[in-house]
Each structure stands twice: as C-alpha cells, then as structure tokens.
C-alpha atoms as a PDB file:
ATOM      1  CA  MET A   1       4.725  40.003 -10.830  1.00  0.00           C
ATOM      2  CA  ASP A   2       6.694  37.053 -11.115  1.00  0.00           C
ATOM      3  CA  ASP A   3       4.219  34.022 -10.754  1.00  0.00           C
ATOM      4  CA  GLY A   4       7.215  31.413 -11.677  1.00  0.00           C
ATOM      5  CA  THR A   5       6.094  31.119 -15.440  1.00  0.00           C
ATOM      6  CA  ARG A   6       8.774  31.828 -18.003  1.00  0.00           C
ATOM      7  CA  ALA A   7       8.293  34.784 -20.710  1.00  0.00           C
ATOM      8  CA  GLY A   8       7.214  33.416 -23.957  1.00  0.00           C
ATOM      9  CA  SER A   9       5.170  30.480 -22.471  1.00  0.00           C
ATOM     10  CA  ASP A  10       2.287  31.144 -24.348  1.00  0.00           C
ATOM     11  CA  GLU A  11       2.120  27.615 -25.503  1.00  0.00           C
ATOM     12  CA  THR A  12       2.308  25.754 -21.688  1.00  0.00           C
ATOM     13  CA  PHE A  13       0.334  25.875 -19.266  1.00  0.00           C
ATOM     14  CA  ARG A  14       0.269  25.200 -15.417  1.00  0.00           C
ATOM     15  CA  VAL A  15      -1.110  21.951 -13.590  1.00  0.00           C
ATOM     16  CA  ARG A  16      -3.825  23.003 -11.718  1.00  0.00           C
ATOM     17  CA  ARG A  17      -3.628  20.526  -8.518  1.00  0.00           C
ATOM     18  CA  GLU A  18      -6.718  21.671  -7.127  1.00  0.00           C
ATOM     19  CA  MET A  19      -9.025  20.331 -10.394  1.00  0.00           C
ATOM     20  CA  GLY A  20      -9.461  16.672 -11.172  1.00  0.00           C
ATOM     21  CA  VAL A  21     -11.771  13.947 -11.094  1.00  0.00           C
ATOM     22  CA  LEU A  22      -9.909  12.850  -7.770  1.00  0.00           C
ATOM     23  CA  GLY A  23      -8.675  14.648  -4.611  1.00  0.00           C
ATOM     24  CA  PRO A  24      -5.305  14.211  -3.498  1.00  0.00           C
ATOM     25  CA  ARG A  25      -6.280  11.383  -1.397  1.00  0.00           C
ATOM     26  CA  ARG A  26      -8.223   9.772  -3.458  1.00  0.00           C
ATOM     27  CA  ARG A  27      -5.648  10.142  -6.222  1.00  0.00           C
ATOM     28  CA  ARG A  28      -3.038   8.468  -3.681  1.00  0.00           C
ATOM     29  CA  LEU A  29      -5.087   5.600  -2.887  1.00  0.00           C
ATOM     30  CA  ALA A  30      -5.703   5.418  -6.743  1.00  0.00           C
ATOM     31  CA  TRP A  31      -2.104   4.976  -7.304  1.00  0.00           C
ATOM     32  CA  LEU A  32      -2.082   2.957  -4.073  1.00  0.00           C
ATOM     33  CA  ALA A  33      -4.622   0.080  -5.639  1.00  0.00           C
ATOM     34  CA  PHE A  34      -2.883   0.416  -9.021  1.00  0.00           C
ATOM     35  CA  VAL A  35       0.669  -0.406  -7.567  1.00  0.00           C
ATOM     36  CA  THR A  36      -0.810  -3.387  -5.381  1.00  0.00           C
ATOM     37  CA  LEU A  37      -2.967  -4.720  -8.150  1.00  0.00           C
ATOM     38  CA  ALA A  38      -0.114  -4.838 -10.680  1.00  0.00           C
ATOM     39  CA  LEU A  39       2.213  -6.826  -8.229  1.00  0.00           C
ATOM     40  CA  HIS A  40      -0.556  -8.768  -6.785  1.00  0.00           C
ATOM     41  CA  ALA A  41      -1.348 -10.445 -10.738  1.00  0.00           C
ATOM     42  CA  PRO A  42       1.741 -12.348 -11.489  1.00  0.00           C
ATOM     43  CA  PHE A  43       2.134 -13.477  -7.912  1.00  0.00           C
ATOM     44  CA  VAL A  44      -1.862 -15.084  -8.543  1.00  0.00           C
ATOM     45  CA  ALA A  45      -1.098 -16.406 -12.044  1.00  0.00           C
ATOM     46  CA  HIS A  46       1.682 -18.257 -10.871  1.00  0.00           C
ATOM     47  CA  SER A  47       0.360 -19.773  -7.632  1.00  0.00           C
ATOM     48  CA  LEU A  48      -3.168 -20.425  -8.818  1.00  0.00           C
ATOM     49  CA  PRO A  49      -4.000 -22.943 -11.881  1.00  0.00           C
ATOM     50  CA  ASP A  50      -7.006 -20.913 -13.322  1.00  0.00           C
ATOM     51  CA  ASP A  51      -7.344 -17.840 -14.944  1.00  0.00           C
ATOM     52  CA  THR A  52      -8.277 -15.605 -11.598  1.00  0.00           C
ATOM     53  CA  TRP A  53      -5.227 -13.379 -12.245  1.00  0.00           C
ATOM     54  CA  MET A  54      -6.946 -12.027 -14.948  1.00  0.00           C
ATOM     55  CA  LEU A  55      -9.542 -10.364 -12.545  1.00  0.00           C
ATOM     56  CA  SER A  56      -6.505  -8.308 -10.579  1.00  0.00           C
ATOM     57  CA  VAL A  57      -5.196  -7.338 -14.500  1.00  0.00           C
ATOM     58  CA  ALA A  58      -8.619  -5.945 -15.371  1.00  0.00           C
ATOM     59  CA  VAL A  59      -9.143  -4.222 -12.098  1.00  0.00           C
ATOM     60  CA  ALA A  60      -5.596  -2.627 -12.502  1.00  0.00           C
ATOM     61  CA  GLY A  61      -6.512  -1.524 -15.836  1.00  0.00           C
ATOM     62  CA  LEU A  62      -9.448   0.597 -14.670  1.00  0.00           C
ATOM     63  CA  VAL A  63      -7.853   1.981 -12.018  1.00  0.00           C
ATOM     64  CA  ALA A  64      -5.071   3.015 -14.514  1.00  0.00           C
ATOM     65  CA  PHE A  65      -7.826   4.735 -16.892  1.00  0.00           C
ATOM     66  CA  VAL A  66      -9.479   6.505 -13.936  1.00  0.00           C
ATOM     67  CA  ILE A  67      -5.563   8.275 -12.859  1.00  0.00           C
ATOM     68  CA  LEU A  68      -5.111   9.104 -16.346  1.00  0.00           C
ATOM     69  CA  VAL A  69      -8.561  10.534 -16.614  1.00  0.00           C
ATOM     70  CA  ASP A  70      -7.748  12.645 -13.541  1.00  0.00           C
ATOM     71  CA  ASP A  71      -4.347  13.590 -15.009  1.00  0.00           C
ATOM     72  CA  ILE A  72      -5.853  14.879 -18.376  1.00  0.00           C
ATOM     73  CA  GLN A  73      -8.590  16.905 -16.392  1.00  0.00           C
ATOM     74  CA  ARG A  74      -5.754  18.476 -14.342  1.00  0.00           C
ATOM     75  CA  ARG A  75      -3.682  19.243 -17.450  1.00  0.00           C
ATOM     76  CA  LYS A  76      -6.461  21.160 -19.128  1.00  0.00           C
ATOM     77  CA  PRO A  77      -6.024  24.748 -19.459  1.00  0.00           C
ATOM     78  CA  ASP A  78      -7.580  27.066 -17.303  1.00  0.00           C
ATOM     79  CA  PRO A  79     -10.388  28.413 -19.261  1.00  0.00           C
ATOM     80  CA  SER A  80     -10.215  31.996 -16.972  1.00  0.00           C
ATOM     81  CA  ARG A  81      -6.888  32.648 -17.862  1.00  0.00           C
ATOM     82  CA  ARG A  82      -7.445  32.633 -21.488  1.00  0.00           C
ATOM     83  CA  SER A  83      -7.329  36.012 -23.245  1.00  0.00           C
END
C-alpha cells in the first residue's frame, strides 16, 4: 500500500490537518488577523503620538502564539499509528 510516505521514514510523521486547536477557517482568520495587526502597528506608531501601537503588537503576539500552538498540535505524531 502506497500512502505517500518514503521507506525509512520512521523518524518523520505526516501533518494531521484535521487535528489542532483551530479549524481550517479559524486558522485562516488567525493568519489574517496576525498580518493585519502586524501591518497596522507601524502605521499607528507613525501617525499617533502616544504608545497605543503597543496594543496592536501585543495582540499580534497573542495571535501568533495561538497559531504556533495550533501548528505544534498538528505536528504531533498520531498515537494510533505507533507500534
């Protein structure tokens, strides 16, 4: 049976697309939010005299953390495939 894996790939594993903290739609929205906030922060920093741009940076950092956690959850090996 050819499942797309190469012979000798005991150390590697496939990414489980259905498993993770975020679903596909929410993952796309998280990426959109991260990019929007990352692009918004420099604009606000240049146009406003106060430090409100730090809020955009902090929220973008939190969104990035959630994306990373989702990526880590998806890359965990499937326990049912272990022998």
